[in-house]
């Protein structure tokens, strides 16, 4: 393991990141894609809570083709890890951020004519072209130029002397559960490309939202890249996607320790979020983690954890620094024992998807909610 700088202190609660599994996942995904499809690694939000520097360094070693991030600070952090890799900013830039496109050799997403003018001015001042990806709104309703005006915006980009079109993309709104609308979005996107006279698609990154968008693409499709986010971390976001058959491994696990144990006799009146009288002798463990670490209050009285390989239910409300679980059926639990919140222990496992269902949320949010006071501990051995 390669721990974080504070790992000289005993670990009370930590996230374990298996970088070797991440590398194996990338290779499996790439091997499952058509040969011409390039790998766009989405590493926004601190690589979904896995740690951006460590994750990106491993993905660079594994051969990602492009890195996609949300913010300028994320983009500069990726660039500082190494030159040469294309980096795409998926979110809009503030005007005072524009100049850093040239300083760090970044590609910007373009949705408006105003952005074309701003980024062209940056390129003129820097004396070199600025790379941009044209985003086309085919029905997502968020970023991107509306598809009916997209060809006109493409012409503005093509006419800007200090811009270089590096990609064109769209975002499928519901590729996992609305095939008809996804097909309509795809039709709109392809219609726009046909209207962009002079565009050289074979020289660009042409990409949609995720692997689900590849499933029914025709053989002559211009798409040549796929944005991969959760799947590279061993989490299948959409069970019906083209890559559902790729058996990736979980990269992330979330662990804590037992603080104290105590036995409460039958008849004790307790208040774990609601007052009730115990009908049996109950042994509980107080865990060294709460919502201040990323265990959401929504899992109160719903979640389970693994102790000694056995599932133990959460009792009452998750507090800021502790969580109480019932260990009556698990003998010999003691202070300091490891507890798995997400991950595997012995023959049992709690997946990030199961944990997210208890929290009534999605894996994306669960990963991003593990707080900064939780050290990340990195496994780096490649293995087999």
Protein backbone atom coordinates (compact mmCIF):
# COMPACT_ATOMS: atom_id res chain seq x y z
CA UNK A 1 0.00 0.00 0.00
CA UNK A 2 1.02 3.59 -0.62
CA UNK A 3 -0.68 5.62 2.12
CA UNK A 4 -1.42 9.32 2.24
CA UNK A 5 0.97 11.75 4.05
CA UNK A 6 -1.00 11.56 7.32
CA UNK A 7 -0.78 7.76 7.49
CA UNK A 8 1.76 7.90 10.31
CA UNK A 9 -1.31 8.29 12.50
CA UNK A 10 -3.47 5.20 13.16
CA UNK A 11 -6.33 4.92 10.71
CA UNK A 12 -9.80 5.34 12.20
CA UNK A 13 -11.64 5.59 8.88
CA UNK A 14 -10.14 5.31 5.42
CA UNK A 15 -10.86 4.68 1.75
CA UNK A 16 -8.76 2.03 0.08
CA UNK A 17 -7.99 2.56 -3.63
CA UNK A 18 -6.70 -0.37 -5.66
CA UNK A 19 -4.71 1.23 -8.47
CA UNK A 20 -3.72 -2.16 -9.85
CA UNK A 21 -7.41 -2.99 -10.31
CA UNK A 22 -7.88 0.38 -12.03
CA UNK A 23 -5.17 -0.49 -14.54
CA UNK A 24 -6.63 -3.93 -15.16
CA UNK A 25 -10.05 -2.35 -15.67
CA UNK A 26 -8.77 0.08 -18.29
CA UNK A 27 -7.12 -2.73 -20.22
CA UNK A 28 -10.29 -4.84 -20.10
CA UNK A 29 -12.45 -1.95 -21.28
CA UNK A 30 -10.09 -1.07 -24.09
CA UNK A 31 -9.90 -4.70 -25.22
CA UNK A 32 -13.70 -4.80 -25.36
CA UNK A 33 -14.04 -1.67 -27.50
CA UNK A 34 -13.78 -1.60 -31.28
CA UNK A 35 -10.21 -0.92 -32.33
CA UNK A 36 -10.91 2.61 -33.57
CA UNK A 37 -12.61 3.79 -30.36
CA UNK A 38 -10.41 5.99 -28.20
CA UNK A 39 -10.52 6.01 -24.41
CA UNK A 40 -11.61 9.28 -22.77
CA UNK A 41 -10.99 8.96 -19.02
CA UNK A 42 -13.40 11.12 -17.03
CA UNK A 43 -11.63 12.11 -13.80
CA UNK A 44 -13.65 15.06 -12.55
CA UNK A 45 -14.54 15.56 -8.86
CA UNK A 46 -11.15 14.29 -7.67
CA UNK A 47 -11.55 11.25 -9.93
CA UNK A 48 -14.92 10.52 -8.32
CA UNK A 49 -13.35 10.67 -4.88
CA UNK A 50 -10.55 8.23 -5.71
CA UNK A 51 -7.83 10.90 -5.73
CA UNK A 52 -7.04 12.72 -8.98
CA UNK A 53 -3.21 12.70 -8.96
CA UNK A 54 -2.85 9.01 -8.15
CA UNK A 55 -5.66 7.93 -10.47
CA UNK A 56 -4.53 10.02 -13.43
CA UNK A 57 -0.92 8.91 -13.07
CA UNK A 58 -2.03 5.28 -13.27
CA UNK A 59 -4.31 5.94 -16.24
CA UNK A 60 -1.48 7.71 -18.04
CA UNK A 61 0.67 4.66 -17.45
CA UNK A 62 -2.17 2.47 -18.76
CA UNK A 63 -2.70 4.44 -21.96
CA UNK A 64 -5.77 6.69 -21.69
CA UNK A 65 -6.15 8.83 -24.81
CA UNK A 66 -7.76 11.96 -23.33
CA UNK A 67 -8.66 13.20 -19.85
CA UNK A 68 -11.97 14.96 -19.23
CA UNK A 69 -12.47 17.18 -16.18
CA UNK A 70 -14.99 19.72 -14.95
CA UNK A 71 -12.94 22.63 -13.64
CA UNK A 72 -9.81 24.58 -14.44
CA UNK A 73 -8.17 23.52 -11.17
CA UNK A 74 -8.72 19.87 -12.10
CA UNK A 75 -7.32 20.47 -15.57
CA UNK A 76 -4.16 22.13 -14.29
CA UNK A 77 -3.64 19.30 -11.80
CA UNK A 78 -3.79 16.78 -14.64
CA UNK A 79 -1.43 18.84 -16.80
CA UNK A 80 1.13 19.07 -14.01
CA UNK A 81 1.31 15.27 -13.96
CA UNK A 82 2.64 15.14 -17.49
CA UNK A 83 2.72 16.84 -20.89
CA UNK A 84 1.26 15.48 -24.09
CA UNK A 85 -2.13 14.16 -23.07
CA UNK A 86 -5.15 16.07 -24.37
CA UNK A 87 -7.24 17.50 -21.54
CA UNK A 88 -10.85 18.56 -22.10
CA UNK A 89 -12.75 20.96 -19.84
CA UNK A 90 -16.35 19.77 -19.85
CA UNK A 91 -17.75 22.79 -17.96
CA UNK A 92 -17.89 26.40 -19.12
CA UNK A 93 -15.01 28.71 -18.30
CA UNK A 94 -15.32 32.03 -16.52
CA UNK A 95 -13.85 34.93 -18.53
CA UNK A 96 -10.98 35.40 -16.07
CA UNK A 97 -10.03 31.73 -16.56
CA UNK A 98 -9.69 31.94 -20.35
CA UNK A 99 -5.98 32.76 -20.48
CA UNK A 100 -5.08 29.50 -18.74
CA UNK A 101 -6.20 27.56 -21.81
CA UNK A 102 -3.00 28.65 -23.53
CA UNK A 103 -0.83 28.45 -20.42
CA UNK A 104 -1.71 24.79 -19.78
CA UNK A 105 -2.51 23.63 -23.32
CA UNK A 106 -6.14 22.76 -22.53
CA UNK A 107 -9.18 22.14 -24.73
CA UNK A 108 -12.36 24.06 -23.97
CA UNK A 109 -15.96 23.08 -24.57
CA UNK A 110 -17.72 25.55 -26.85
CA UNK A 111 -21.48 26.12 -26.63
CA UNK A 112 -21.86 29.77 -27.68
CA UNK A 113 -20.62 32.33 -30.20
CA UNK A 114 -19.37 34.44 -27.30
CA UNK A 115 -17.02 31.63 -26.26
CA UNK A 116 -15.72 31.41 -29.81
CA UNK A 117 -14.75 35.09 -29.69
CA UNK A 118 -13.22 34.86 -26.23
CA UNK A 119 -11.11 31.78 -26.92
CA UNK A 120 -10.00 33.10 -30.32
CA UNK A 121 -8.77 36.23 -28.55
CA UNK A 122 -6.76 34.07 -26.12
CA UNK A 123 -5.16 32.25 -29.03
CA UNK A 124 -4.33 35.49 -30.80
CA UNK A 125 -2.67 36.92 -27.69
CA UNK A 126 -0.77 33.67 -27.01
CA UNK A 127 0.34 33.29 -30.60
CA UNK A 128 -0.94 29.72 -30.88
CA UNK A 129 -4.31 28.09 -31.60
CA UNK A 130 -6.62 27.06 -28.77
CA UNK A 131 -8.13 23.57 -28.98
CA UNK A 132 -11.90 23.38 -28.61
CA UNK A 133 -14.58 20.71 -28.64
CA UNK A 134 -17.94 21.77 -30.07
CA UNK A 135 -20.76 20.52 -27.86
CA UNK A 136 -24.13 19.99 -29.50
CA UNK A 137 -27.28 19.94 -27.40
CA UNK A 138 -29.44 17.20 -28.92
CA UNK A 139 -31.94 17.15 -26.08
CA UNK A 140 -30.09 17.09 -22.78
CA UNK A 141 -30.92 20.75 -22.25
CA UNK A 142 -27.76 21.63 -20.38
CA UNK A 143 -24.52 22.73 -22.07
CA UNK A 144 -24.06 22.84 -25.82
CA UNK A 145 -25.44 24.77 -28.75
CA UNK A 146 -28.95 23.68 -29.71
CA UNK A 147 -28.65 21.26 -32.60
CA UNK A 148 -30.61 23.46 -35.00
CA UNK A 149 -28.00 26.23 -34.62
CA UNK A 150 -24.95 23.96 -34.33
CA UNK A 151 -23.84 24.08 -37.97
CA UNK A 152 -23.75 27.87 -37.81
CA UNK A 153 -21.58 27.78 -34.67
CA UNK A 154 -19.28 25.25 -36.33
CA UNK A 155 -18.70 27.71 -39.18
CA UNK A 156 -17.76 30.41 -36.67
CA UNK A 157 -15.19 28.06 -35.12
CA UNK A 158 -13.84 27.12 -38.54
CA UNK A 159 -13.48 30.80 -39.43
CA UNK A 160 -11.69 31.73 -36.19
CA UNK A 161 -7.97 31.89 -37.07
CA UNK A 162 -6.75 31.12 -33.58
CA UNK A 163 -8.98 28.15 -32.78
CA UNK A 164 -8.40 24.49 -33.61
CA UNK A 165 -11.39 22.17 -33.60
CA UNK A 166 -10.23 19.06 -31.72
CA UNK A 167 -13.55 17.36 -31.09
CA UNK A 168 -17.30 17.39 -31.37
CA UNK A 169 -19.69 15.72 -28.96
CA UNK A 170 -23.13 15.41 -27.46
CA UNK A 171 -24.57 14.07 -24.22
CA UNK A 172 -27.23 11.38 -24.26
CA UNK A 173 -29.81 12.14 -21.58
CA UNK A 174 -31.01 8.60 -20.77
CA UNK A 175 -29.13 5.99 -22.82
CA UNK A 176 -29.84 3.29 -20.27
CA UNK A 177 -33.64 3.55 -20.08
CA UNK A 178 -34.92 5.53 -23.07
CA UNK A 179 -33.69 3.93 -26.27
CA UNK A 180 -36.13 5.85 -28.46
CA UNK A 181 -35.00 9.26 -27.26
CA UNK A 182 -31.35 8.23 -27.41
CA UNK A 183 -31.87 7.23 -31.04
CA UNK A 184 -33.50 10.61 -31.70
CA UNK A 185 -30.54 12.40 -30.11
CA UNK A 186 -28.19 10.33 -32.23
CA UNK A 187 -30.14 11.18 -35.36
CA UNK A 188 -30.00 14.89 -34.55
CA UNK A 189 -26.26 14.72 -33.90
CA UNK A 190 -25.51 12.92 -37.17
CA UNK A 191 -27.73 15.38 -39.05
CA UNK A 192 -25.67 18.28 -37.68
CA UNK A 193 -22.41 16.64 -38.70
CA UNK A 194 -23.74 16.24 -42.22
CA UNK A 195 -24.43 19.99 -42.30
CA UNK A 196 -20.92 20.94 -41.14
CA UNK A 197 -19.30 21.30 -44.54
CA UNK A 198 -15.57 20.76 -44.52
CA UNK A 199 -15.42 19.10 -41.11
CA UNK A 200 -12.74 16.38 -40.94
CA UNK A 201 -14.24 13.93 -38.48
CA UNK A 202 -11.36 11.46 -38.78
CA UNK A 203 -9.07 14.09 -37.26
CA UNK A 204 -11.35 14.81 -34.28
CA UNK A 205 -12.54 13.20 -31.08
CA UNK A 206 -16.19 12.40 -31.84
CA UNK A 207 -17.93 11.23 -28.68
CA UNK A 208 -21.27 10.82 -26.94
CA UNK A 209 -22.04 10.35 -23.26
CA UNK A 210 -20.88 6.88 -22.34
CA UNK A 211 -20.57 3.26 -23.35
CA UNK A 212 -24.34 2.87 -23.47
CA UNK A 213 -24.37 5.15 -26.50
CA UNK A 214 -22.22 2.74 -28.49
CA UNK A 215 -24.55 -0.22 -28.35
CA UNK A 216 -26.59 0.42 -31.48
CA UNK A 217 -24.27 2.64 -33.47
CA UNK A 218 -24.26 1.74 -37.17
CA UNK A 219 -21.05 0.42 -38.71
CA UNK A 220 -20.39 3.67 -40.56
CA UNK A 221 -20.79 5.78 -37.44
CA UNK A 222 -18.37 8.71 -37.08
CA UNK A 223 -18.11 8.15 -33.30
CA UNK A 224 -14.53 7.25 -32.45
CA UNK A 225 -14.26 7.85 -28.69
CA UNK A 226 -16.12 6.94 -25.52
CA UNK A 227 -16.12 8.77 -22.20
CA UNK A 228 -15.56 6.31 -19.38
CA UNK A 229 -16.24 7.37 -15.80
CA UNK A 230 -17.59 4.94 -13.20
CA UNK A 231 -16.88 1.83 -15.24
CA UNK A 232 -13.11 2.27 -14.98
CA UNK A 233 -13.56 2.20 -11.21
CA UNK A 234 -15.35 -1.13 -11.36
CA UNK A 235 -18.90 0.23 -11.12
CA UNK A 236 -21.37 -0.51 -13.91
CA UNK A 237 -23.53 2.63 -14.22
CA UNK A 238 -25.98 1.13 -16.72
CA UNK A 239 -26.59 -2.64 -16.84
CA UNK A 240 -27.73 -2.51 -20.47
CA UNK A 241 -24.63 -0.83 -21.87
CA UNK A 242 -22.33 -2.32 -24.49
CA UNK A 243 -19.68 -2.83 -21.84
CA UNK A 244 -21.95 -4.60 -19.33
CA UNK A 245 -20.16 -7.86 -20.11
CA UNK A 246 -16.79 -6.41 -19.07
CA UNK A 247 -16.08 -7.81 -15.61
CA UNK A 248 -14.28 -4.88 -14.05
CA UNK A 249 -13.16 -4.94 -10.42
CA UNK A 250 -14.15 -2.48 -7.69
CA UNK A 251 -11.31 -0.03 -7.11
CA UNK A 252 -12.79 1.70 -4.06
CA UNK A 253 -13.55 0.39 -0.57
CA UNK A 254 -14.60 2.34 2.53
CA UNK A 255 -13.52 1.14 5.96
CA UNK A 256 -13.53 2.16 9.60
CA UNK A 257 -12.89 0.63 13.02
CA UNK A 258 -14.80 -0.30 16.15
CA UNK A 259 -14.43 2.36 18.86
CA UNK A 260 -16.15 0.60 21.76
CA UNK A 261 -18.55 -2.28 22.34
CA UNK A 262 -21.18 -2.50 25.02
CA UNK A 263 -24.08 -4.74 25.97
CA UNK A 264 -27.44 -3.22 26.79
CA UNK A 265 -29.79 -5.42 28.87
CA UNK A 266 -33.31 -6.26 27.83
CA UNK A 267 -35.75 -3.60 28.96
CA UNK A 268 -33.32 -0.72 28.43
CA UNK A 269 -34.96 2.32 26.90
CA UNK A 270 -32.74 3.75 24.19
CA UNK A 271 -33.07 6.53 21.66
CA UNK A 272 -31.29 5.79 18.38
CA UNK A 273 -33.27 8.32 16.41
CA UNK A 274 -36.47 6.98 17.90
CA UNK A 275 -37.11 5.91 21.49
CA UNK A 276 -37.87 2.26 22.09
CA UNK A 277 -37.39 -0.44 24.71
CA UNK A 278 -35.05 -3.33 23.91
CA UNK A 279 -36.77 -6.71 23.89
CA UNK A 280 -33.51 -8.64 24.26
CA UNK A 281 -29.98 -8.19 25.48
CA UNK A 282 -28.26 -6.26 22.68
CA UNK A 283 -24.55 -5.87 22.05
CA UNK A 284 -23.62 -2.82 20.02
CA UNK A 285 -20.45 -1.45 18.48
CA UNK A 286 -19.82 2.27 18.14
CA UNK A 287 -17.93 2.84 14.88
CA UNK A 288 -15.32 5.59 14.38
CA UNK A 289 -17.10 7.21 11.42
CA UNK A 290 -20.25 9.19 10.72
CA UNK A 291 -21.64 11.69 8.28
CA UNK A 292 -18.55 13.85 8.82
CA UNK A 293 -16.69 11.10 6.98
CA UNK A 294 -19.25 10.36 4.29
CA UNK A 295 -21.76 7.92 5.82
CA UNK A 296 -25.00 9.69 4.91
CA UNK A 297 -27.71 10.12 7.53
CA UNK A 298 -30.12 8.60 5.04
CA UNK A 299 -28.72 5.13 5.80
CA UNK A 300 -29.81 5.41 9.45
CA UNK A 301 -31.67 2.25 10.52
CA UNK A 302 -31.23 0.89 6.97
CA UNK A 303 -27.62 0.11 6.13
CA UNK A 304 -25.47 -2.85 7.08
CA UNK A 305 -21.73 -3.15 7.64
CA UNK A 306 -19.34 -6.08 7.64
CA UNK A 307 -17.57 -7.11 10.84
CA UNK A 308 -15.68 -10.40 10.89
CA UNK A 309 -17.26 -11.12 7.51
CA UNK A 310 -20.81 -10.89 8.85
CA UNK A 311 -23.49 -8.30 8.13
CA UNK A 312 -24.46 -6.12 11.08
CA UNK A 313 -27.36 -3.65 10.87
CA UNK A 314 -27.03 0.06 11.62
CA UNK A 315 -29.04 1.08 14.68
CA UNK A 316 -30.54 4.53 14.81
CA UNK A 317 -29.26 7.73 13.31
CA UNK A 318 -25.81 8.17 11.87
CA UNK A 319 -24.16 11.01 13.78
CA UNK A 320 -21.33 13.29 12.69
CA UNK A 321 -18.53 11.16 14.14
CA UNK A 322 -20.02 7.79 15.09
CA UNK A 323 -22.38 5.12 13.83
CA UNK A 324 -23.92 2.40 16.01
CA UNK A 325 -24.39 -1.17 14.76
CA UNK A 326 -25.90 -4.28 16.31
CA UNK A 327 -23.23 -6.96 16.79
CA UNK A 328 -25.29 -9.30 18.98
CA UNK A 329 -24.77 -12.18 16.57
CA UNK A 330 -21.05 -11.61 16.07
CA UNK A 331 -18.93 -12.93 18.94
CA UNK A 332 -15.61 -11.53 20.15
CA UNK A 333 -15.81 -8.10 18.47
CA UNK A 334 -13.37 -5.74 20.17
CA UNK A 335 -12.11 -2.19 20.01
CA UNK A 336 -9.99 -1.59 16.91
CA UNK A 337 -11.53 -4.30 14.73
CA UNK A 338 -11.88 -3.40 11.06
CA UNK A 339 -15.36 -2.62 9.73
CA UNK A 340 -16.25 -2.57 6.04
CA UNK A 341 -18.79 0.01 4.93
CA UNK A 342 -18.24 -0.59 1.21
CA UNK A 343 -16.13 -3.47 -0.05
CA UNK A 344 -15.31 -7.08 0.66
CA UNK A 345 -14.49 -8.84 3.92
CA UNK A 346 -13.91 -12.58 3.98
CA UNK A 347 -16.67 -14.10 1.79
CA UNK A 348 -19.14 -11.22 2.04
CA UNK A 349 -19.37 -7.93 0.15
CA UNK A 350 -21.28 -4.66 0.26
CA UNK A 351 -21.15 -2.95 -3.13
CA UNK A 352 -21.21 0.78 -3.72
CA UNK A 353 -24.50 0.26 -5.54
CA UNK A 354 -26.11 -1.46 -2.53
CA UNK A 355 -24.79 1.22 -0.17
CA UNK A 356 -26.17 3.92 -2.48
CA UNK A 357 -29.61 2.31 -2.51
CA UNK A 358 -29.71 2.49 1.30
CA UNK A 359 -28.84 6.18 1.00
CA UNK A 360 -31.44 6.69 -1.75
CA UNK A 361 -28.83 8.14 -4.05
CA UNK A 362 -26.51 7.12 -6.89
CA UNK A 363 -22.93 5.78 -6.80
CA UNK A 364 -21.59 9.04 -8.26
CA UNK A 365 -22.80 11.01 -5.24
CA UNK A 366 -21.75 8.35 -2.73
CA UNK A 367 -18.16 8.41 -4.00
CA UNK A 368 -17.99 12.20 -4.10
CA UNK A 369 -19.42 12.47 -0.57
CA UNK A 370 -16.56 10.68 1.19
CA UNK A 371 -14.97 13.65 2.88
CA UNK A 372 -11.44 14.99 2.96
CA UNK A 373 -10.89 13.87 6.52
CA UNK A 374 -10.95 10.29 5.26
CA UNK A 375 -7.40 9.33 4.17
CA UNK A 376 -7.02 7.54 0.84
CA UNK A 377 -4.73 4.51 1.04
CA UNK A 378 -3.40 3.27 -2.31
CA UNK A 379 -2.63 -0.28 -3.36
CA UNK A 380 -0.13 -0.13 -6.20
CA UNK A 381 0.92 -3.70 -6.99
CA UNK A 382 -0.25 -4.73 -10.45
CA UNK A 383 -0.78 -8.39 -9.66
CA UNK A 384 -2.36 -10.65 -12.26
